[in-house]
């Protein structure tokens, strides 16, 4: 998989705070997600017959640990693992 490094970082312990949000979005797209803009910095991700809303981080491009943990849990629940 093209985004294997991002997936490894998402599942690393302790949770990384140095994953660029753009890399996570690219992983979602690789998995077949539809991404749409919402209000403010929110984006809607449609994937796995599910819909989640995330906030794009700013001003830093890195995703906070809480969001990484949410992404990890969502991916794991749907059988996506490194």
C-alpha atoms as a PDB file:
ATOM      1  CA  UNK A   1       0.000   0.000   0.000  1.00  0.00           C
ATOM      2  CA  UNK A   2       1.235   3.430  -0.978  1.00  0.00           C
ATOM      3  CA  UNK A   3       0.391   4.893   2.423  1.00  0.00           C
ATOM      4  CA  UNK A   4       1.831   2.117   4.600  1.00  0.00           C
ATOM      5  CA  UNK A   5       4.111   4.544   6.492  1.00  0.00           C
ATOM      6  CA  UNK A   6       1.147   6.715   7.493  1.00  0.00           C
ATOM      7  CA  UNK A   7      -0.762   3.630   8.623  1.00  0.00           C
ATOM      8  CA  UNK A   8       2.244   2.496  10.695  1.00  0.00           C
ATOM      9  CA  UNK A   9       2.418   5.938  12.355  1.00  0.00           C
ATOM     10  CA  UNK A  10      -1.315   5.926  13.135  1.00  0.00           C
ATOM     11  CA  UNK A  11      -0.992   2.551  14.889  1.00  0.00           C
ATOM     12  CA  UNK A  12       2.285   3.316  16.687  1.00  0.00           C
ATOM     13  CA  UNK A  13       2.468   3.417  20.482  1.00  0.00           C
ATOM     14  CA  UNK A  14       2.752   5.817  22.125  1.00  0.00           C
ATOM     15  CA  UNK A  15       0.381   7.780  19.901  1.00  0.00           C
ATOM     16  CA  UNK A  16       2.260  10.068  17.542  1.00  0.00           C
ATOM     17  CA  UNK A  17       1.596  13.795  17.405  1.00  0.00           C
ATOM     18  CA  UNK A  18       3.735  14.203  14.284  1.00  0.00           C
ATOM     19  CA  UNK A  19       1.459  12.869  11.535  1.00  0.00           C
ATOM     20  CA  UNK A  20       0.554  15.390   8.876  1.00  0.00           C
ATOM     21  CA  UNK A  21      -3.218  15.645   8.405  1.00  0.00           C
ATOM     22  CA  UNK A  22      -2.728  15.745   4.616  1.00  0.00           C
ATOM     23  CA  UNK A  23      -1.142  12.270   4.836  1.00  0.00           C
ATOM     24  CA  UNK A  24      -4.137  10.935   6.783  1.00  0.00           C
ATOM     25  CA  UNK A  25      -6.533  12.426   4.214  1.00  0.00           C
ATOM     26  CA  UNK A  26      -4.499  10.812   1.409  1.00  0.00           C
ATOM     27  CA  UNK A  27      -4.783   7.457   3.214  1.00  0.00           C
ATOM     28  CA  UNK A  28      -8.566   7.882   3.451  1.00  0.00           C
ATOM     29  CA  UNK A  29      -8.742   8.598  -0.293  1.00  0.00           C
ATOM     30  CA  UNK A  30      -6.587   5.535  -1.019  1.00  0.00           C
ATOM     31  CA  UNK A  31      -9.115   3.464   0.968  1.00  0.00           C
ATOM     32  CA  UNK A  32     -11.969   4.852  -1.151  1.00  0.00           C
ATOM     33  CA  UNK A  33     -13.241   7.716   0.998  1.00  0.00           C
ATOM     34  CA  UNK A  34     -15.295  10.630  -0.238  1.00  0.00           C
ATOM     35  CA  UNK A  35     -14.127  13.831   1.443  1.00  0.00           C
ATOM     36  CA  UNK A  36     -16.218  16.985   1.504  1.00  0.00           C
ATOM     37  CA  UNK A  37     -15.721  20.371   3.090  1.00  0.00           C
ATOM     38  CA  UNK A  38     -17.964  21.407   5.961  1.00  0.00           C
ATOM     39  CA  UNK A  39     -18.121  24.558   8.099  1.00  0.00           C
ATOM     40  CA  UNK A  40     -14.873  26.181   9.140  1.00  0.00           C
ATOM     41  CA  UNK A  41     -12.017  23.698   9.276  1.00  0.00           C
ATOM     42  CA  UNK A  42     -14.321  20.681   9.414  1.00  0.00           C
ATOM     43  CA  UNK A  43     -14.284  17.978   6.786  1.00  0.00           C
ATOM     44  CA  UNK A  44     -16.683  15.094   6.344  1.00  0.00           C
ATOM     45  CA  UNK A  45     -15.211  11.669   5.567  1.00  0.00           C
ATOM     46  CA  UNK A  46     -17.501   9.016   4.059  1.00  0.00           C
ATOM     47  CA  UNK A  47     -15.898   5.599   4.291  1.00  0.00           C
ATOM     48  CA  UNK A  48     -16.900   2.066   5.397  1.00  0.00           C
ATOM     49  CA  UNK A  49     -20.610   2.982   5.013  1.00  0.00           C
ATOM     50  CA  UNK A  50     -19.979   5.471   7.799  1.00  0.00           C
ATOM     51  CA  UNK A  51     -19.465   9.205   8.114  1.00  0.00           C
ATOM     52  CA  UNK A  52     -17.099  10.996  10.460  1.00  0.00           C
ATOM     53  CA  UNK A  53     -16.361  14.678  10.825  1.00  0.00           C
ATOM     54  CA  UNK A  54     -12.855  15.843  11.659  1.00  0.00           C
ATOM     55  CA  UNK A  55     -11.263  19.260  12.077  1.00  0.00           C
ATOM     56  CA  UNK A  56      -8.270  20.016   9.906  1.00  0.00           C
ATOM     57  CA  UNK A  57      -5.487  21.108  12.235  1.00  0.00           C
ATOM     58  CA  UNK A  58      -4.258  24.671  12.018  1.00  0.00           C
ATOM     59  CA  UNK A  59      -1.937  26.492  12.093  1.00  0.00           C
ATOM     60  CA  UNK A  60       0.199  23.347  12.479  1.00  0.00           C
ATOM     61  CA  UNK A  61      -0.146  20.706   9.744  1.00  0.00           C
ATOM     62  CA  UNK A  62       0.199  17.921  12.345  1.00  0.00           C
ATOM     63  CA  UNK A  63      -2.736  15.975  13.739  1.00  0.00           C
ATOM     64  CA  UNK A  64      -3.209  16.030  17.510  1.00  0.00           C
ATOM     65  CA  UNK A  65      -2.955  12.773  19.448  1.00  0.00           C
ATOM     66  CA  UNK A  66      -6.685  12.638  20.205  1.00  0.00           C
ATOM     67  CA  UNK A  67      -7.589  12.775  16.519  1.00  0.00           C
ATOM     68  CA  UNK A  68      -4.934  10.155  15.699  1.00  0.00           C
ATOM     69  CA  UNK A  69      -6.451   7.860  18.355  1.00  0.00           C
ATOM     70  CA  UNK A  70      -9.929   8.380  16.840  1.00  0.00           C
ATOM     71  CA  UNK A  71      -8.648   7.592  13.348  1.00  0.00           C
ATOM     72  CA  UNK A  72      -6.840   4.480  14.656  1.00  0.00           C
ATOM     73  CA  UNK A  73      -9.980   3.219  16.405  1.00  0.00           C
ATOM     74  CA  UNK A  74     -12.126   3.814  13.292  1.00  0.00           C
ATOM     75  CA  UNK A  75      -9.661   2.071  10.975  1.00  0.00           C
ATOM     76  CA  UNK A  76      -9.174  -0.854  13.376  1.00  0.00           C
ATOM     77  CA  UNK A  77     -12.938  -1.312  13.780  1.00  0.00           C
ATOM     78  CA  UNK A  78     -13.167  -1.634   9.999  1.00  0.00           C
ATOM     79  CA  UNK A  79     -10.286  -4.092   9.612  1.00  0.00           C
ATOM     80  CA  UNK A  80      -7.650  -1.673   8.323  1.00  0.00           C
ATOM     81  CA  UNK A  81      -4.366  -2.338  10.113  1.00  0.00           C
ATOM     82  CA  UNK A  82      -0.675  -2.079   9.231  1.00  0.00           C
END
